[in-house]
Amino acid sequence: MAEAERIIGTPDIPDAEGADGAEPEQPAGGSSPAEGEGANGRGGKKVLVLLVVAVLAYLLDLGSKMLVVAKLEHEEPIEIFGEWLKFDAIRNAGAAFGIGEAFTFIFTAIAAVVIVVIVRLARKLYSLPWAVALGLLLGGALGNLTDRIFRAPGVFEGAVVDFIAPAHFAVFNLADSAIVCGGILIVILSFKGLDPDGTVHKD
């Protein structure tokens, strides 16, 4: 048996680096495990930024509303800058800035959809400005949605607490401000050609 193996010869078995010592080729268009981990790490940091911004916006809105309900509701408005800016507690059954008070349930559903869309976008988020913008939208939407669910007159029909009252303008709250700022930032990023995944395109 040994003599037969000597005559026939034993085929060479290439090692992990190949017969000529070269490293095995990566699949075309593929990325190495290290590159994939790096991308996931960058995406994770952007999601963390989104969550931090959303939590801050939500807590500021919630805290301000609790303070307004406890100290300002059913009281005289507080003048901040004379007649130009006051704090005046009101209950708003409509959308931001008191729009569409007869469609409370619809606005509640829209807010819930916006939150779901933002959560889905977060999986492909690699842009810091987009993380901030989506965080503002998420925090603002959650703030007003909390009022819709837990405040009178009922679940999904609750009236939002508004209190920032500029002269000759609708009364709003910090959640409305976060939503508007996030929306403006998204418009700017879109005009600049920056996508949520971090790619830049020019038409």
N, C-alpha and C. Protein backbone atom coordinates (compact mmCIF):
# COMPACT_ATOMS: atom_id res chain seq x y z
N MET A 1 0.83 -1.21 0.00
CA MET A 1 0.00 0.00 0.00
C MET A 1 0.86 1.25 0.00
N ALA A 2 1.91 1.20 0.84
CA ALA A 2 2.81 2.35 0.91
C ALA A 2 3.54 2.54 -0.39
N GLU A 3 3.93 1.37 -1.04
CA GLU A 3 4.63 1.45 -2.32
C GLU A 3 3.74 2.04 -3.40
N ALA A 4 2.44 1.69 -3.38
CA ALA A 4 1.50 2.24 -4.37
C ALA A 4 1.35 3.74 -4.21
N GLU A 5 1.26 4.21 -2.96
CA GLU A 5 1.14 5.65 -2.73
C GLU A 5 2.38 6.38 -3.21
N ARG A 6 3.57 5.74 -3.05
CA ARG A 6 4.81 6.41 -3.48
C ARG A 6 4.85 6.54 -4.97
N ILE A 7 4.35 5.48 -5.70
CA ILE A 7 4.38 5.52 -7.16
C ILE A 7 3.37 6.52 -7.71
N ILE A 8 2.10 6.45 -7.18
CA ILE A 8 1.04 7.34 -7.69
C ILE A 8 1.30 8.78 -7.29
N GLY A 9 1.77 9.00 -6.06
CA GLY A 9 1.99 10.35 -5.55
C GLY A 9 0.78 10.87 -4.84
N THR A 10 0.99 11.69 -3.85
CA THR A 10 -0.11 12.29 -3.07
C THR A 10 -0.34 13.71 -3.55
N PRO A 11 -1.57 14.07 -3.96
CA PRO A 11 -1.82 15.45 -4.46
C PRO A 11 -1.60 16.49 -3.37
N ASP A 12 -1.04 17.59 -3.81
CA ASP A 12 -0.81 18.68 -2.86
C ASP A 12 -2.14 19.28 -2.43
N ILE A 13 -2.29 19.57 -1.14
CA ILE A 13 -3.50 20.21 -0.60
C ILE A 13 -3.18 21.66 -0.31
N PRO A 14 -3.78 22.62 -1.02
CA PRO A 14 -3.46 24.04 -0.79
C PRO A 14 -3.88 24.46 0.60
N ASP A 15 -3.06 25.28 1.21
CA ASP A 15 -3.40 25.80 2.54
C ASP A 15 -4.36 26.97 2.41
N ALA A 16 -4.66 27.59 3.53
CA ALA A 16 -5.67 28.67 3.56
C ALA A 16 -5.26 29.85 2.71
N GLU A 17 -3.94 30.01 2.45
CA GLU A 17 -3.48 31.18 1.71
C GLU A 17 -3.33 30.89 0.23
N GLY A 18 -3.59 29.63 -0.24
CA GLY A 18 -3.43 29.30 -1.65
C GLY A 18 -2.09 28.69 -1.90
N ALA A 19 -1.98 28.11 -3.07
CA ALA A 19 -0.76 27.38 -3.39
C ALA A 19 0.43 28.29 -3.50
N ASP A 20 0.27 29.50 -3.97
CA ASP A 20 1.41 30.41 -4.15
C ASP A 20 1.59 31.34 -2.98
N GLY A 21 0.89 31.08 -1.87
CA GLY A 21 1.07 31.91 -0.68
C GLY A 21 0.24 33.16 -0.68
N ALA A 22 -0.53 33.38 -1.76
CA ALA A 22 -1.35 34.59 -1.82
C ALA A 22 -2.61 34.40 -0.99
N GLU A 23 -3.15 35.51 -0.49
CA GLU A 23 -4.38 35.46 0.28
C GLU A 23 -5.55 35.16 -0.63
N PRO A 24 -6.55 34.45 -0.14
CA PRO A 24 -7.73 34.16 -0.98
C PRO A 24 -8.44 35.43 -1.38
N GLU A 25 -8.97 35.43 -2.62
CA GLU A 25 -9.62 36.63 -3.12
C GLU A 25 -10.97 36.83 -2.46
N GLN A 26 -11.32 38.10 -2.23
CA GLN A 26 -12.64 38.42 -1.72
C GLN A 26 -13.64 38.36 -2.86
N PRO A 27 -14.88 37.99 -2.60
CA PRO A 27 -15.90 37.99 -3.67
C PRO A 27 -16.05 39.37 -4.26
N ALA A 28 -16.29 39.42 -5.56
CA ALA A 28 -16.43 40.71 -6.24
C ALA A 28 -17.58 41.49 -5.65
N GLY A 29 -17.30 42.75 -5.37
CA GLY A 29 -18.34 43.62 -4.84
C GLY A 29 -18.65 43.41 -3.38
N GLY A 30 -18.00 42.45 -2.74
CA GLY A 30 -18.27 42.18 -1.33
C GLY A 30 -17.44 43.04 -0.43
N SER A 31 -17.73 43.02 0.84
CA SER A 31 -16.98 43.77 1.83
C SER A 31 -16.48 42.80 2.88
N SER A 32 -15.36 43.14 3.44
CA SER A 32 -14.78 42.30 4.46
C SER A 32 -15.59 42.40 5.74
N PRO A 33 -15.47 41.41 6.64
CA PRO A 33 -16.19 41.49 7.92
C PRO A 33 -15.86 42.75 8.69
N ALA A 34 -14.58 43.19 8.63
CA ALA A 34 -14.20 44.40 9.36
C ALA A 34 -14.92 45.62 8.82
N GLU A 35 -15.04 45.67 7.46
CA GLU A 35 -15.74 46.82 6.87
C GLU A 35 -17.20 46.82 7.27
N GLY A 36 -17.83 45.62 7.29
CA GLY A 36 -19.23 45.53 7.68
C GLY A 36 -19.44 45.96 9.12
N GLU A 37 -18.51 45.54 10.00
CA GLU A 37 -18.63 45.94 11.40
C GLU A 37 -18.45 47.44 11.55
N GLY A 38 -17.54 48.02 10.74
CA GLY A 38 -17.34 49.47 10.82
C GLY A 38 -18.58 50.24 10.40
N ALA A 39 -19.22 49.76 9.32
CA ALA A 39 -20.44 50.42 8.87
C ALA A 39 -21.55 50.31 9.90
N ASN A 40 -21.67 49.12 10.49
CA ASN A 40 -22.69 48.94 11.53
C ASN A 40 -22.42 49.83 12.72
N GLY A 41 -21.13 50.00 13.05
CA GLY A 41 -20.80 50.87 14.17
C GLY A 41 -21.16 52.31 13.91
N ARG A 42 -20.87 52.78 12.68
CA ARG A 42 -21.22 54.16 12.34
C ARG A 42 -22.73 54.35 12.35
N GLY A 43 -23.45 53.36 11.80
CA GLY A 43 -24.91 53.46 11.81
C GLY A 43 -25.46 53.45 13.22
N GLY A 44 -24.87 52.63 14.09
CA GLY A 44 -25.33 52.56 15.48
C GLY A 44 -25.16 53.88 16.20
N LYS A 45 -24.07 54.58 15.91
CA LYS A 45 -23.85 55.89 16.55
C LYS A 45 -24.88 56.91 16.10
N LYS A 46 -25.24 56.86 14.82
CA LYS A 46 -26.25 57.80 14.32
C LYS A 46 -27.62 57.51 14.92
N VAL A 47 -27.93 56.23 15.07
CA VAL A 47 -29.20 55.87 15.72
C VAL A 47 -29.20 56.34 17.16
N LEU A 48 -28.06 56.25 17.83
CA LEU A 48 -27.97 56.73 19.21
C LEU A 48 -28.21 58.24 19.27
N VAL A 49 -27.66 58.99 18.31
CA VAL A 49 -27.90 60.43 18.25
C VAL A 49 -29.39 60.70 18.06
N LEU A 50 -30.02 59.96 17.15
CA LEU A 50 -31.45 60.12 16.91
C LEU A 50 -32.23 59.90 18.21
N LEU A 51 -31.91 58.85 18.94
CA LEU A 51 -32.63 58.54 20.17
C LEU A 51 -32.42 59.61 21.23
N VAL A 52 -31.19 60.09 21.36
CA VAL A 52 -30.89 61.12 22.37
C VAL A 52 -31.67 62.40 22.07
N VAL A 53 -31.65 62.82 20.79
CA VAL A 53 -32.38 64.03 20.40
C VAL A 53 -33.88 63.84 20.64
N ALA A 54 -34.40 62.67 20.27
CA ALA A 54 -35.83 62.40 20.45
C ALA A 54 -36.21 62.41 21.92
N VAL A 55 -35.41 61.79 22.76
CA VAL A 55 -35.72 61.75 24.20
C VAL A 55 -35.67 63.14 24.80
N LEU A 56 -34.66 63.93 24.43
CA LEU A 56 -34.57 65.30 24.95
C LEU A 56 -35.77 66.14 24.53
N ALA A 57 -36.13 66.06 23.24
CA ALA A 57 -37.29 66.82 22.75
C ALA A 57 -38.56 66.37 23.46
N TYR A 58 -38.71 65.07 23.64
CA TYR A 58 -39.91 64.54 24.29
C TYR A 58 -39.99 64.98 25.75
N LEU A 59 -38.89 64.86 26.48
CA LEU A 59 -38.90 65.20 27.90
C LEU A 59 -39.12 66.70 28.12
N LEU A 60 -38.50 67.53 27.27
CA LEU A 60 -38.72 68.98 27.38
C LEU A 60 -40.19 69.32 27.13
N ASP A 61 -40.77 68.69 26.12
CA ASP A 61 -42.19 68.94 25.82
C ASP A 61 -43.08 68.46 26.96
N LEU A 62 -42.84 67.23 27.42
CA LEU A 62 -43.66 66.67 28.48
C LEU A 62 -43.55 67.48 29.77
N GLY A 63 -42.32 67.84 30.14
CA GLY A 63 -42.13 68.61 31.36
C GLY A 63 -42.78 69.98 31.30
N SER A 64 -42.66 70.64 30.14
CA SER A 64 -43.26 71.97 30.00
C SER A 64 -44.78 71.89 30.09
N LYS A 65 -45.37 70.85 29.49
CA LYS A 65 -46.83 70.71 29.53
C LYS A 65 -47.32 70.42 30.94
N MET A 66 -46.59 69.58 31.66
CA MET A 66 -46.99 69.28 33.04
C MET A 66 -46.94 70.54 33.89
N LEU A 67 -45.92 71.35 33.68
CA LEU A 67 -45.79 72.60 34.44
C LEU A 67 -46.90 73.58 34.08
N VAL A 68 -47.21 73.66 32.79
CA VAL A 68 -48.26 74.57 32.34
C VAL A 68 -49.61 74.16 32.90
N VAL A 69 -49.92 72.87 32.86
CA VAL A 69 -51.21 72.39 33.38
C VAL A 69 -51.31 72.65 34.88
N ALA A 70 -50.20 72.47 35.59
CA ALA A 70 -50.22 72.62 37.05
C ALA A 70 -50.26 74.08 37.49
N LYS A 71 -49.60 74.97 36.74
CA LYS A 71 -49.41 76.34 37.22
C LYS A 71 -50.15 77.41 36.41
N LEU A 72 -50.43 77.11 35.14
CA LEU A 72 -50.91 78.18 34.26
C LEU A 72 -52.33 77.98 33.78
N GLU A 73 -52.80 76.73 33.72
CA GLU A 73 -54.15 76.49 33.19
C GLU A 73 -55.20 77.13 34.09
N HIS A 74 -56.18 77.77 33.47
CA HIS A 74 -57.25 78.50 34.16
C HIS A 74 -56.73 79.74 34.89
N GLU A 75 -55.55 80.19 34.53
CA GLU A 75 -54.97 81.41 35.10
C GLU A 75 -54.79 82.44 33.99
N GLU A 76 -54.49 83.66 34.40
CA GLU A 76 -54.24 84.72 33.43
C GLU A 76 -52.94 84.45 32.67
N PRO A 77 -52.87 84.81 31.37
CA PRO A 77 -51.64 84.60 30.60
C PRO A 77 -50.46 85.35 31.23
N ILE A 78 -49.28 84.80 31.05
CA ILE A 78 -48.05 85.42 31.55
C ILE A 78 -47.36 86.12 30.38
N GLU A 79 -47.12 87.41 30.52
CA GLU A 79 -46.45 88.16 29.46
C GLU A 79 -44.94 87.93 29.55
N ILE A 80 -44.36 87.49 28.43
CA ILE A 80 -42.92 87.26 28.37
C ILE A 80 -42.23 88.47 27.74
N PHE A 81 -42.74 88.91 26.59
CA PHE A 81 -42.25 90.13 25.93
C PHE A 81 -43.45 91.02 25.63
N GLY A 82 -44.05 91.53 26.68
CA GLY A 82 -45.20 92.41 26.52
C GLY A 82 -46.32 91.72 25.77
N GLU A 83 -46.88 92.40 24.77
CA GLU A 83 -47.95 91.83 23.97
C GLU A 83 -47.44 90.92 22.86
N TRP A 84 -46.12 90.90 22.66
CA TRP A 84 -45.56 90.15 21.54
C TRP A 84 -45.46 88.65 21.82
N LEU A 85 -45.26 88.28 23.07
CA LEU A 85 -45.14 86.86 23.39
C LEU A 85 -45.68 86.60 24.79
N LYS A 86 -46.61 85.65 24.86
CA LYS A 86 -47.21 85.30 26.15
C LYS A 86 -47.21 83.78 26.32
N PHE A 87 -47.32 83.34 27.57
CA PHE A 87 -47.61 81.94 27.87
C PHE A 87 -49.08 81.87 28.27
N ASP A 88 -49.87 81.18 27.44
CA ASP A 88 -51.30 81.12 27.65
C ASP A 88 -51.77 79.68 27.40
N ALA A 89 -52.14 78.97 28.45
CA ALA A 89 -52.49 77.55 28.34
C ALA A 89 -53.84 77.37 27.67
N ILE A 90 -53.86 76.56 26.60
CA ILE A 90 -55.11 76.20 25.94
C ILE A 90 -55.06 74.70 25.61
N ARG A 91 -56.22 74.12 25.32
CA ARG A 91 -56.31 72.72 24.87
C ARG A 91 -56.66 72.72 23.39
N ASN A 92 -55.83 72.07 22.59
CA ASN A 92 -55.99 72.08 21.14
C ASN A 92 -56.31 70.68 20.65
N ALA A 93 -57.49 70.52 20.07
CA ALA A 93 -57.91 69.22 19.54
C ALA A 93 -57.44 69.00 18.11
N GLY A 94 -56.84 70.02 17.49
CA GLY A 94 -56.40 69.90 16.10
C GLY A 94 -54.95 69.51 15.97
N ALA A 95 -54.38 69.82 14.82
CA ALA A 95 -52.98 69.51 14.55
C ALA A 95 -52.11 70.64 15.08
N ALA A 96 -50.87 70.67 14.62
CA ALA A 96 -49.95 71.72 15.05
C ALA A 96 -50.53 73.09 14.72
N PHE A 97 -50.38 74.01 15.66
CA PHE A 97 -50.84 75.39 15.51
C PHE A 97 -52.36 75.49 15.38
N GLY A 98 -53.08 74.50 15.91
CA GLY A 98 -54.53 74.58 15.97
C GLY A 98 -55.25 74.31 14.68
N ILE A 99 -54.59 73.63 13.74
CA ILE A 99 -55.21 73.38 12.43
C ILE A 99 -56.07 72.12 12.50
N GLY A 100 -57.28 72.18 11.95
CA GLY A 100 -58.12 71.00 11.79
C GLY A 100 -58.60 70.37 13.08
N GLU A 101 -59.29 71.12 13.92
CA GLU A 101 -59.71 70.62 15.22
C GLU A 101 -60.78 69.52 15.12
N ALA A 102 -61.40 69.36 13.97
CA ALA A 102 -62.44 68.33 13.81
C ALA A 102 -61.87 66.98 13.40
N PHE A 103 -60.55 66.89 13.24
CA PHE A 103 -59.94 65.66 12.74
C PHE A 103 -58.90 65.11 13.71
N THR A 104 -59.24 65.12 15.00
CA THR A 104 -58.29 64.69 16.03
C THR A 104 -57.83 63.26 15.81
N PHE A 105 -58.75 62.34 15.55
CA PHE A 105 -58.39 60.93 15.39
C PHE A 105 -57.46 60.73 14.19
N ILE A 106 -57.72 61.46 13.10
CA ILE A 106 -56.88 61.34 11.91
C ILE A 106 -55.47 61.81 12.21
N PHE A 107 -55.33 62.94 12.92
CA PHE A 107 -54.00 63.44 13.26
C PHE A 107 -53.27 62.48 14.20
N THR A 108 -54.01 61.80 15.05
CA THR A 108 -53.41 60.80 15.92
C THR A 108 -52.83 59.65 15.09
N ALA A 109 -53.60 59.20 14.11
CA ALA A 109 -53.13 58.11 13.24
C ALA A 109 -51.91 58.54 12.43
N ILE A 110 -51.93 59.79 11.95
CA ILE A 110 -50.79 60.30 11.17
C ILE A 110 -49.53 60.32 12.04
N ALA A 111 -49.66 60.77 13.28
CA ALA A 111 -48.51 60.82 14.18
C ALA A 111 -47.95 59.42 14.41
N ALA A 112 -48.82 58.44 14.56
CA ALA A 112 -48.37 57.06 14.76
C ALA A 112 -47.63 56.55 13.53
N VAL A 113 -48.14 56.86 12.34
CA VAL A 113 -47.49 56.44 11.10
C VAL A 113 -46.12 57.08 10.97
N VAL A 114 -46.02 58.37 11.29
CA VAL A 114 -44.74 59.07 11.22
C VAL A 114 -43.70 58.39 12.12
N ILE A 115 -44.11 58.00 13.30
CA ILE A 115 -43.20 57.35 14.23
C ILE A 115 -42.71 56.02 13.66
N VAL A 116 -43.62 55.24 13.06
CA VAL A 116 -43.24 53.95 12.47
C VAL A 116 -42.26 54.16 11.32
N VAL A 117 -42.51 55.15 10.47
CA VAL A 117 -41.63 55.44 9.33
C VAL A 117 -40.24 55.82 9.81
N ILE A 118 -40.16 56.66 10.85
CA ILE A 118 -38.86 57.08 11.38
C ILE A 118 -38.09 55.88 11.93
N VAL A 119 -38.78 55.01 12.65
CA VAL A 119 -38.12 53.82 13.19
C VAL A 119 -37.58 52.94 12.07
N ARG A 120 -38.31 52.81 10.98
CA ARG A 120 -37.84 52.01 9.84
C ARG A 120 -36.65 52.67 9.16
N LEU A 121 -36.68 53.99 9.02
CA LEU A 121 -35.56 54.70 8.41
C LEU A 121 -34.29 54.58 9.24
N ALA A 122 -34.44 54.45 10.54
CA ALA A 122 -33.27 54.41 11.43
C ALA A 122 -32.37 53.23 11.12
N ARG A 123 -32.89 52.17 10.51
CA ARG A 123 -32.08 51.00 10.20
C ARG A 123 -31.04 51.29 9.13
N LYS A 124 -31.27 52.31 8.30
CA LYS A 124 -30.33 52.66 7.23
C LYS A 124 -29.79 54.08 7.43
N LEU A 125 -29.65 54.48 8.67
CA LEU A 125 -29.26 55.86 8.98
C LEU A 125 -27.76 55.95 9.19
N TYR A 126 -27.08 56.73 8.32
CA TYR A 126 -25.64 56.92 8.45
C TYR A 126 -25.25 58.40 8.37
N SER A 127 -26.24 59.28 8.45
CA SER A 127 -26.00 60.72 8.35
C SER A 127 -26.34 61.40 9.67
N LEU A 128 -25.38 62.15 10.22
CA LEU A 128 -25.62 62.84 11.49
C LEU A 128 -26.70 63.92 11.38
N PRO A 129 -26.68 64.79 10.35
CA PRO A 129 -27.77 65.78 10.24
C PRO A 129 -29.15 65.13 10.13
N TRP A 130 -29.23 64.02 9.39
CA TRP A 130 -30.52 63.32 9.30
C TRP A 130 -30.92 62.73 10.65
N ALA A 131 -29.93 62.27 11.41
CA ALA A 131 -30.23 61.72 12.74
C ALA A 131 -30.84 62.80 13.64
N VAL A 132 -30.28 64.01 13.58
CA VAL A 132 -30.82 65.12 14.38
C VAL A 132 -32.23 65.48 13.91
N ALA A 133 -32.41 65.58 12.59
CA ALA A 133 -33.73 65.95 12.04
C ALA A 133 -34.80 64.92 12.41
N LEU A 134 -34.48 63.65 12.21
CA LEU A 134 -35.45 62.61 12.52
C LEU A 134 -35.69 62.50 14.03
N GLY A 135 -34.67 62.78 14.82
CA GLY A 135 -34.85 62.79 16.27
C GLY A 135 -35.81 63.88 16.71
N LEU A 136 -35.71 65.06 16.11
CA LEU A 136 -36.64 66.14 16.42
C LEU A 136 -38.06 65.77 16.03
N LEU A 137 -38.21 65.18 14.83
CA LEU A 137 -39.54 64.75 14.40
C LEU A 137 -40.12 63.69 15.32
N LEU A 138 -39.28 62.72 15.69
CA LEU A 138 -39.75 61.63 16.54
C LEU A 138 -40.14 62.14 17.93
N GLY A 139 -39.31 62.98 18.52
CA GLY A 139 -39.62 63.51 19.84
C GLY A 139 -40.88 64.36 19.83
N GLY A 140 -41.03 65.21 18.80
CA GLY A 140 -42.23 66.03 18.71
C GLY A 140 -43.48 65.21 18.48
N ALA A 141 -43.39 64.23 17.58
CA ALA A 141 -44.55 63.38 17.32
C ALA A 141 -44.96 62.59 18.56
N LEU A 142 -43.98 62.07 19.29
CA LEU A 142 -44.28 61.34 20.53
C LEU A 142 -44.90 62.25 21.58
N GLY A 143 -44.42 63.49 21.64
CA GLY A 143 -44.95 64.43 22.62
C GLY A 143 -46.43 64.71 22.42
N ASN A 144 -46.80 65.02 21.19
CA ASN A 144 -48.22 65.29 20.91
C ASN A 144 -49.06 64.02 20.93
N LEU A 145 -48.45 62.88 20.52
CA LEU A 145 -49.20 61.63 20.56
C LEU A 145 -49.52 61.23 22.00
N THR A 146 -48.64 61.54 22.93
CA THR A 146 -48.91 61.27 24.34
C THR A 146 -50.15 62.02 24.81
N ASP A 147 -50.26 63.28 24.40
CA ASP A 147 -51.47 64.05 24.74
C ASP A 147 -52.71 63.43 24.12
N ARG A 148 -52.61 63.01 22.84
CA ARG A 148 -53.76 62.43 22.15
C ARG A 148 -54.27 61.18 22.87
N ILE A 149 -53.35 60.41 23.44
CA ILE A 149 -53.74 59.14 24.06
C ILE A 149 -54.24 59.33 25.49
N PHE A 150 -53.57 60.18 26.26
CA PHE A 150 -53.81 60.20 27.71
C PHE A 150 -54.63 61.38 28.21
N ARG A 151 -54.82 62.41 27.42
CA ARG A 151 -55.56 63.56 27.91
C ARG A 151 -57.03 63.50 27.48
N ALA A 152 -57.85 64.29 28.19
CA ALA A 152 -59.28 64.36 27.89
C ALA A 152 -59.47 64.96 26.49
N PRO A 153 -60.57 64.59 25.79
CA PRO A 153 -61.75 63.88 26.31
C PRO A 153 -61.69 62.36 26.25
N GLY A 154 -60.67 61.77 25.58
CA GLY A 154 -60.62 60.31 25.52
C GLY A 154 -59.42 59.82 24.76
N VAL A 155 -59.23 58.51 24.79
CA VAL A 155 -58.09 57.88 24.12
C VAL A 155 -58.15 58.14 22.62
N PHE A 156 -57.00 58.59 22.06
CA PHE A 156 -56.84 58.93 20.65
C PHE A 156 -57.65 60.16 20.24
N GLU A 157 -58.30 60.79 21.17
CA GLU A 157 -59.05 62.02 20.88
C GLU A 157 -58.67 63.14 21.84
N GLY A 158 -57.61 62.94 22.59
CA GLY A 158 -57.20 63.92 23.58
C GLY A 158 -56.75 65.23 22.96
N ALA A 159 -56.95 66.30 23.71
CA ALA A 159 -56.54 67.63 23.25
C ALA A 159 -55.11 67.92 23.70
N VAL A 160 -54.32 68.44 22.79
CA VAL A 160 -52.92 68.76 23.06
C VAL A 160 -52.82 70.06 23.86
N VAL A 161 -51.90 70.11 24.80
CA VAL A 161 -51.67 71.32 25.59
C VAL A 161 -50.74 72.26 24.82
N ASP A 162 -51.23 73.43 24.47
CA ASP A 162 -50.43 74.48 23.83
C ASP A 162 -50.32 75.66 24.78
N PHE A 163 -49.21 76.39 24.68
CA PHE A 163 -49.06 77.52 25.62
C PHE A 163 -48.18 78.65 25.11
N ILE A 164 -47.43 78.45 24.05
CA ILE A 164 -46.57 79.51 23.51
C ILE A 164 -47.42 80.35 22.56
N ALA A 165 -47.67 81.60 22.93
CA ALA A 165 -48.64 82.43 22.21
C ALA A 165 -48.00 83.72 21.70
N PRO A 166 -47.40 83.68 20.50
CA PRO A 166 -46.89 84.92 19.91
C PRO A 166 -48.06 85.78 19.43
N ALA A 167 -47.80 87.08 19.33
CA ALA A 167 -48.85 87.98 18.84
C ALA A 167 -49.16 87.68 17.38
N HIS A 168 -50.45 87.68 17.04
CA HIS A 168 -50.92 87.49 15.67
C HIS A 168 -50.46 86.15 15.08
N PHE A 169 -50.39 85.14 15.93
CA PHE A 169 -49.98 83.81 15.46
C PHE A 169 -50.67 82.75 16.30
N ALA A 170 -50.70 81.53 15.79
CA ALA A 170 -51.35 80.44 16.51
C ALA A 170 -50.54 80.05 17.76
N VAL A 171 -51.26 79.53 18.75
CA VAL A 171 -50.61 79.06 19.97
C VAL A 171 -50.06 77.66 19.71
N PHE A 172 -48.82 77.39 20.20
CA PHE A 172 -48.21 76.09 19.94
C PHE A 172 -47.42 75.64 21.16
N ASN A 173 -46.73 74.52 21.04
CA ASN A 173 -45.95 73.98 22.15
C ASN A 173 -44.56 73.58 21.66
N LEU A 174 -43.76 72.99 22.56
CA LEU A 174 -42.39 72.61 22.19
C LEU A 174 -42.37 71.44 21.23
N ALA A 175 -43.36 70.55 21.29
CA ALA A 175 -43.43 69.45 20.34
C ALA A 175 -43.64 69.98 18.92
N ASP A 176 -44.54 70.96 18.78
CA ASP A 176 -44.74 71.58 17.47
C ASP A 176 -43.44 72.20 16.96
N SER A 177 -42.72 72.86 17.86
CA SER A 177 -41.46 73.50 17.47
C SER A 177 -40.45 72.47 16.99
N ALA A 178 -40.36 71.34 17.69
CA ALA A 178 -39.43 70.28 17.30
C ALA A 178 -39.79 69.72 15.93
N ILE A 179 -41.09 69.51 15.69
CA ILE A 179 -41.54 68.97 14.41
C ILE A 179 -41.20 69.94 13.27
N VAL A 180 -41.46 71.22 13.48
CA VAL A 180 -41.19 72.21 12.44
C VAL A 180 -39.69 72.32 12.17
N CYS A 181 -38.88 72.36 13.23
CA CYS A 181 -37.42 72.45 13.06
C CYS A 181 -36.88 71.21 12.35
N GLY A 182 -37.38 70.03 12.72
CA GLY A 182 -36.96 68.81 12.04
C GLY A 182 -37.36 68.81 10.59
N GLY A 183 -38.58 69.27 10.29
CA GLY A 183 -39.04 69.33 8.90
C GLY A 183 -38.22 70.30 8.07
N ILE A 184 -37.90 71.47 8.63
CA ILE A 184 -37.07 72.45 7.90
C ILE A 184 -35.70 71.87 7.61
N LEU A 185 -35.11 71.19 8.60
CA LEU A 185 -33.79 70.59 8.41
C LEU A 185 -33.82 69.52 7.33
N ILE A 186 -34.89 68.73 7.27
CA ILE A 186 -35.02 67.71 6.24
C ILE A 186 -35.11 68.34 4.85
N VAL A 187 -35.86 69.44 4.74
CA VAL A 187 -35.95 70.14 3.45
C VAL A 187 -34.58 70.64 3.01
N ILE A 188 -33.82 71.21 3.94
CA ILE A 188 -32.47 71.71 3.62
C ILE A 188 -31.57 70.57 3.17
N LEU A 189 -31.61 69.45 3.89
CA LEU A 189 -30.77 68.30 3.54
C LEU A 189 -31.16 67.74 2.18
N SER A 190 -32.45 67.74 1.88
CA SER A 190 -32.92 67.24 0.59
C SER A 190 -32.44 68.14 -0.54
N PHE A 191 -32.49 69.45 -0.35
CA PHE A 191 -32.00 70.37 -1.37
C PHE A 191 -30.49 70.22 -1.57
N LYS A 192 -29.78 69.87 -0.51
CA LYS A 192 -28.34 69.66 -0.62
C LYS A 192 -27.98 68.31 -1.22
N GLY A 193 -28.98 67.44 -1.38
CA GLY A 193 -28.73 66.14 -1.98
C GLY A 193 -28.18 65.11 -1.03
N LEU A 194 -28.35 65.32 0.28
CA LEU A 194 -27.85 64.37 1.27
C LEU A 194 -28.96 63.42 1.69
N ASP A 195 -28.71 62.13 1.51
CA ASP A 195 -29.69 61.11 1.86
C ASP A 195 -29.46 60.59 3.28
N PRO A 196 -30.47 59.96 3.88
CA PRO A 196 -30.30 59.42 5.24
C PRO A 196 -29.17 58.42 5.38
N ASP A 197 -28.84 57.70 4.28
CA ASP A 197 -27.77 56.71 4.35
C ASP A 197 -26.38 57.33 4.19
N GLY A 198 -26.33 58.67 4.10
CA GLY A 198 -25.05 59.36 4.02
C GLY A 198 -24.56 59.63 2.63
N THR A 199 -25.22 59.10 1.59
CA THR A 199 -24.79 59.36 0.22
C THR A 199 -25.23 60.74 -0.22
N VAL A 200 -24.42 61.33 -1.11
CA VAL A 200 -24.72 62.66 -1.63
C VAL A 200 -24.93 62.52 -3.14
N HIS A 201 -26.03 63.06 -3.60
CA HIS A 201 -26.30 63.00 -5.05
C HIS A 201 -26.61 64.39 -5.54
N LYS A 202 -26.28 64.65 -6.80
CA LYS A 202 -26.54 65.94 -7.42
C LYS A 202 -27.31 65.70 -8.71
N ASP A 203 -28.43 66.40 -8.82
CA ASP A 203 -29.26 66.25 -10.03
C ASP A 203 -28.67 67.07 -11.17
